[in-house]
Protein backbone atom coordinates (compact mmCIF):
# COMPACT_ATOMS: atom_id res chain seq x y z
CA UNK A 1 -1.15 2.45 54.68
CA UNK A 2 1.17 2.95 51.71
CA UNK A 3 -1.30 2.27 48.73
CA UNK A 4 -0.83 2.48 45.17
CA UNK A 5 -2.71 5.78 44.89
CA UNK A 6 -0.83 7.31 47.80
CA UNK A 7 2.63 6.37 45.63
CA UNK A 8 1.03 7.92 42.32
CA UNK A 9 0.28 11.22 44.12
CA UNK A 10 3.54 11.31 46.06
CA UNK A 11 5.60 10.84 42.76
CA UNK A 12 3.72 13.32 40.98
CA UNK A 13 4.62 15.99 43.31
CA UNK A 14 8.34 14.80 43.77
CA UNK A 15 8.57 14.83 39.63
CA UNK A 16 6.90 18.57 39.56
CA UNK A 17 4.10 17.12 37.86
CA UNK A 18 0.55 18.54 38.49
CA UNK A 19 -1.65 16.83 41.07
CA UNK A 20 -2.77 13.52 38.88
CA UNK A 21 -6.61 13.11 38.66
CA UNK A 22 -7.46 9.52 39.83
CA UNK A 23 -10.73 8.31 39.02
CA UNK A 24 -11.76 4.62 41.20
CA UNK A 25 -13.99 2.30 39.00
CA UNK A 26 -16.02 -0.34 40.54
CA UNK A 27 -14.97 -2.86 37.92
CA UNK A 28 -11.98 -3.32 35.47
CA UNK A 29 -10.79 -6.52 34.13
CA UNK A 30 -7.40 -7.62 33.96
CA UNK A 31 -7.47 -7.50 30.37
CA UNK A 32 -8.81 -3.96 30.12
CA UNK A 33 -6.06 -2.81 32.64
CA UNK A 34 -3.43 -4.04 30.85
CA UNK A 35 -4.85 -2.47 27.66
CA UNK A 36 -4.42 1.00 29.52
CA UNK A 37 -1.28 0.74 30.93
CA UNK A 38 0.07 -0.36 27.23
CA UNK A 39 -1.50 2.44 25.86
CA UNK A 40 -0.81 5.13 28.69
CA UNK A 41 2.70 3.91 29.68
CA UNK A 42 5.93 3.02 27.53
CA UNK A 43 5.23 -0.78 29.04
CA UNK A 44 4.66 -3.12 26.22
CA UNK A 45 1.50 -4.62 26.43
CA UNK A 46 2.45 -8.14 26.84
CA UNK A 47 4.51 -7.22 29.96
CA UNK A 48 1.67 -4.93 31.42
CA UNK A 49 -0.34 -8.06 31.20
CA UNK A 50 1.80 -9.75 33.31
CA UNK A 51 2.17 -7.05 35.92
CA UNK A 52 -1.47 -6.65 36.27
CA UNK A 53 -2.32 -10.30 36.59
CA UNK A 54 0.42 -10.26 39.18
CA UNK A 55 -1.68 -7.91 41.15
CA UNK A 56 -4.26 -10.46 42.67
CA UNK A 57 -1.09 -12.14 44.60
CA UNK A 58 -0.64 -10.74 47.96
CA UNK A 59 3.12 -9.40 48.20
CA UNK A 60 3.11 -8.70 52.39
CA UNK A 61 5.58 -10.96 54.23
CA UNK A 62 4.69 -12.84 57.00
CA UNK A 63 7.87 -14.34 57.81
CA UNK A 64 10.19 -11.62 59.29
CA UNK A 65 12.82 -13.74 60.45
CA UNK A 66 15.62 -11.58 58.14
CA UNK A 67 15.25 -8.99 60.46
CA UNK A 68 17.04 -10.58 63.13
CA UNK A 69 20.04 -9.94 60.89
CA UNK A 70 19.27 -7.33 58.56
CA UNK A 71 17.56 -4.49 60.23
CA UNK A 72 14.90 -2.49 58.06
CA UNK A 73 15.90 0.51 56.29
CA UNK A 74 14.12 3.59 56.89
CA UNK A 75 10.75 4.02 55.69
CA UNK A 76 7.75 6.50 55.31
CA UNK A 77 6.75 9.20 52.98
CA UNK A 78 9.64 11.37 53.25
CA UNK A 79 12.22 8.52 52.21
CA UNK A 80 9.96 7.54 49.47
CA UNK A 81 10.04 11.18 48.33
CA UNK A 82 13.64 10.88 48.47
CA UNK A 83 14.51 7.86 46.73
CA UNK A 84 11.91 9.11 43.84
CA UNK A 85 14.26 12.41 43.44
CA UNK A 86 17.38 10.42 43.34
CA UNK A 87 16.06 8.20 41.03
CA UNK A 88 14.55 11.40 38.77
CA UNK A 89 18.03 12.73 39.01
CA UNK A 90 19.80 9.78 37.65
CA UNK A 91 17.53 9.55 34.76
CA UNK A 92 18.21 13.04 33.76
CA UNK A 93 21.95 12.69 34.03
CA UNK A 94 21.46 9.63 31.71
CA UNK A 95 23.42 7.39 34.53
CA UNK A 96 21.42 4.24 34.92
CA UNK A 97 22.15 1.10 32.82
CA UNK A 98 18.34 0.06 32.48
CA UNK A 99 14.99 1.03 33.02
CA UNK A 100 11.97 -0.39 33.88
CA UNK A 101 10.69 0.62 30.33
CA UNK A 102 13.24 -1.88 28.71
CA UNK A 103 11.90 -4.85 29.58
CA UNK A 104 10.58 -7.42 26.89
CA UNK A 105 9.44 -10.75 26.32
CA UNK A 106 11.72 -13.40 25.31
CA UNK A 107 11.03 -14.22 21.10
CA UNK A 108 10.60 -17.96 20.84
CA UNK A 109 13.77 -19.77 19.99
CA UNK A 110 12.40 -20.94 16.49
CA UNK A 111 12.17 -17.57 15.34
CA UNK A 112 14.28 -16.48 12.36
CA UNK A 113 17.16 -14.17 12.86
CA UNK A 114 18.87 -11.88 10.11
CA UNK A 115 21.78 -13.57 10.23
CA UNK A 116 20.49 -17.12 9.53
CA UNK A 117 21.43 -18.42 5.85
CA UNK A 118 19.69 -18.73 2.95
CA UNK A 119 19.73 -22.59 3.32
CA UNK A 120 17.63 -22.09 6.73
CA UNK A 121 14.40 -21.71 4.87
CA UNK A 122 12.13 -18.92 5.02
CA UNK A 123 11.31 -15.55 3.26
CA UNK A 124 13.58 -12.90 4.12
CA UNK A 125 12.35 -9.13 2.45
CA UNK A 126 15.39 -6.81 2.46
CA UNK A 127 15.36 -3.06 1.73
CA UNK A 128 19.06 -2.02 1.20
CA UNK A 129 20.54 1.70 0.95
CA UNK A 130 24.27 2.53 0.56
CA UNK A 131 25.43 5.98 1.11
CA UNK A 132 29.04 7.59 1.13
CA UNK A 133 30.10 10.22 3.28
CA UNK A 134 33.27 12.36 3.43
CA UNK A 135 33.55 12.26 7.30
CA UNK A 136 35.73 9.82 9.33
CA UNK A 137 34.04 6.61 10.61
CA UNK A 138 33.98 7.73 14.20
CA UNK A 139 32.20 10.85 13.15
CA UNK A 140 29.77 8.99 11.36
CA UNK A 141 29.25 6.54 14.08
CA UNK A 142 28.14 9.33 16.54
CA UNK A 143 25.45 10.40 14.28
CA UNK A 144 23.90 6.50 13.61
CA UNK A 145 24.51 5.76 17.71
CA UNK A 146 22.46 9.32 18.41
CA UNK A 147 19.10 8.43 16.21
CA UNK A 148 15.49 8.12 17.64
CA UNK A 149 14.09 9.72 20.83
CA UNK A 150 14.13 13.04 21.15
CA UNK A 151 16.90 13.12 17.90
CA UNK A 152 14.70 11.74 15.31
CA UNK A 153 15.68 9.66 12.90
CA UNK A 154 15.55 12.14 9.50
CA UNK A 155 13.34 14.25 7.64
CA UNK A 156 11.08 11.76 7.85
CA UNK A 157 10.77 11.60 11.64
CA UNK A 158 6.82 12.41 11.22
CA UNK A 159 6.61 9.01 9.55
CA UNK A 160 7.96 7.08 12.07
CA UNK A 161 5.67 9.33 14.78
CA UNK A 162 2.97 7.86 12.59
CA UNK A 163 3.77 4.30 12.60
CA UNK A 164 4.33 4.62 16.52
CA UNK A 165 0.88 6.11 16.84
CA UNK A 166 -0.32 3.16 14.97
CA UNK A 167 1.82 0.68 16.81
CA UNK A 168 0.37 2.18 20.46
CA UNK A 169 -2.89 1.99 19.19
CA UNK A 170 -2.56 -1.80 18.54
CA UNK A 171 -0.88 -2.68 21.81
CA UNK A 172 2.94 -1.87 21.15
CA UNK A 173 5.09 0.30 22.73
CA UNK A 174 5.10 2.74 19.84
CA UNK A 175 7.62 5.53 20.41
CA UNK A 176 6.99 6.56 23.95
CA UNK A 177 10.02 4.69 25.50
CA UNK A 178 12.52 6.72 23.83
CA UNK A 179 16.24 6.37 24.82
CA UNK A 180 17.84 5.57 28.09
CA UNK A 181 20.94 7.92 26.97
CA UNK A 182 20.53 10.79 24.36
CA UNK A 183 23.84 10.04 22.51
CA UNK A 184 25.14 6.31 23.63
CA UNK A 185 23.76 2.90 23.28
CA UNK A 186 24.36 -0.27 24.77
CA UNK A 187 23.12 -3.93 23.84
CA UNK A 188 19.62 -4.26 25.16
CA UNK A 189 18.69 -0.84 25.50
CA UNK A 190 15.03 -0.19 24.25
CA UNK A 191 15.15 2.74 21.54
CA UNK A 192 11.92 3.36 20.62
CA UNK A 193 9.59 0.45 19.27
CA UNK A 194 13.28 -0.92 18.66
CA UNK A 195 15.96 -3.07 20.82
CA UNK A 196 19.38 -3.00 20.26
CA UNK A 197 20.05 -6.54 19.67
CA UNK A 198 23.69 -5.91 18.52
CA UNK A 199 26.50 -3.11 18.88
CA UNK A 200 30.05 -3.01 17.58
CA UNK A 201 31.23 0.32 17.60
CA UNK A 202 32.08 1.70 15.43
CA UNK A 203 30.90 -0.68 12.69
CA UNK A 204 27.78 -2.66 13.12
CA UNK A 205 24.43 -1.58 14.97
CA UNK A 206 21.46 -3.91 14.39
CA UNK A 207 18.13 -3.35 15.81
CA UNK A 208 15.03 -5.60 16.22
CA UNK A 209 11.84 -4.52 15.87
CA UNK A 210 9.21 -4.94 19.22
CA UNK A 211 6.15 -3.25 17.14
CA UNK A 212 3.53 -4.87 16.62
CA UNK A 213 3.52 -6.76 13.01
CA UNK A 214 2.88 -9.95 11.44
CA UNK A 215 6.45 -11.08 11.28
CA UNK A 216 9.98 -10.20 12.74
CA UNK A 217 12.15 -7.06 11.46
CA UNK A 218 15.34 -5.62 12.39
CA UNK A 219 17.21 -2.61 10.97
CA UNK A 220 20.78 -2.95 10.41
CA UNK A 221 23.32 -0.59 10.21
CA UNK A 222 27.39 -1.64 8.77
CA UNK A 223 29.98 1.22 8.81
CA UNK A 224 33.04 1.06 6.52
CA UNK A 225 36.12 3.00 5.98
CA UNK A 226 37.25 3.25 2.20
CA UNK A 227 40.20 5.61 2.42
CA UNK A 228 38.39 8.73 1.41
CA UNK A 229 35.61 8.59 4.40
CA UNK A 230 32.83 6.32 5.22
CA UNK A 231 30.54 3.98 3.10
CA UNK A 232 27.12 3.16 5.29
CA UNK A 233 24.95 0.36 4.46
CA UNK A 234 21.43 0.48 5.97
CA UNK A 235 19.46 -2.83 5.45
CA UNK A 236 15.87 -3.11 6.35
CA UNK A 237 14.82 -6.81 6.84
CA UNK A 238 11.45 -8.30 7.69
CA UNK A 239 10.69 -12.14 8.03
CA UNK A 240 6.84 -12.51 7.45
CA UNK A 241 4.84 -14.85 9.35
CA UNK A 242 1.99 -16.37 7.53
CA UNK A 243 0.29 -14.59 4.28
CA UNK A 244 -0.42 -11.27 6.39
CA UNK A 245 2.95 -10.61 6.72
CA UNK A 246 3.83 -11.03 3.42
CA UNK A 247 0.75 -8.41 2.50
CA UNK A 248 2.51 -6.08 5.41
CA UNK A 249 5.48 -6.44 3.90
CA UNK A 250 4.05 -4.96 0.13
CA UNK A 251 1.72 -2.66 2.14
CA UNK A 252 4.22 -0.53 3.74
CA UNK A 253 6.94 -0.72 0.81
CA UNK A 254 5.91 2.60 -0.43
CA UNK A 255 6.83 4.04 2.67
CA UNK A 256 10.33 2.91 2.41
CA UNK A 257 10.75 4.95 -0.43
CA UNK A 258 10.02 7.82 1.61
CA UNK A 259 11.55 6.81 4.95
CA UNK A 260 14.95 4.96 4.27
CA UNK A 261 16.71 6.73 1.68
CA UNK A 262 16.48 10.09 4.09
CA UNK A 263 17.84 8.24 6.90
CA UNK A 264 20.69 6.95 5.43
CA UNK A 265 21.39 9.99 3.84
CA UNK A 266 21.11 11.54 7.19
CA UNK A 267 23.62 9.24 8.74
CA UNK A 268 26.02 9.75 5.97
CA UNK A 269 26.11 13.51 5.94
CA UNK A 270 24.36 14.87 8.80
CA UNK A 271 21.70 16.82 6.69
CA UNK A 272 18.07 16.21 7.21
């Protein structure tokens, strides 16, 4: 029998990791299991909760009529090891379009968007920073598209890491999801605790926050050539949810003065 435990042990061996310590426990609730999965893996808590809940359903096929038309592929421990090695090679070469850790749950259709007009109602806080770069727009875009993951954000990367730790403790994805590719982004990509909501090279990149907070947040960058270089406009937007949302914005506002100026300066000049 090929159990989950055996799969984890074989994966660790194929990935060159040290042997995993696996301790069976007599009782573990789905809620506690989901929280643990969300803490030690890149999977967000809400998605982990649904994955754990699905384990109570048997997935052994009883009807095997399809085998008359399509034979079973080779199976066994060696085939599993080979599949893991091939998958890891694709990840290392950044030749995958999506990753399982990119998955997210859809937002409610009534959630506000940063493109909504003022008359649509609701509060939308903004923090706008503008910087000029002597570099051409394609050079600036390359720096912008490479932010996050192992590349960091700016001189205040420690502040993002601290926010990521807080988010993980609150059940969010934190920074552990990283990037699919170290230099290029696609719409829908996970980028730490952001998701690429819109990308129009070399002019617009909009990230939607998937961190845990009382509201909806975006980070948008707009690049424009001005004849002498590139104008970088960075805008953080936050649509609060209830009084907690308003309190959250003003509580983190002092950090904006530390984080956002260094970020827009790094994108514009490349200097940390």
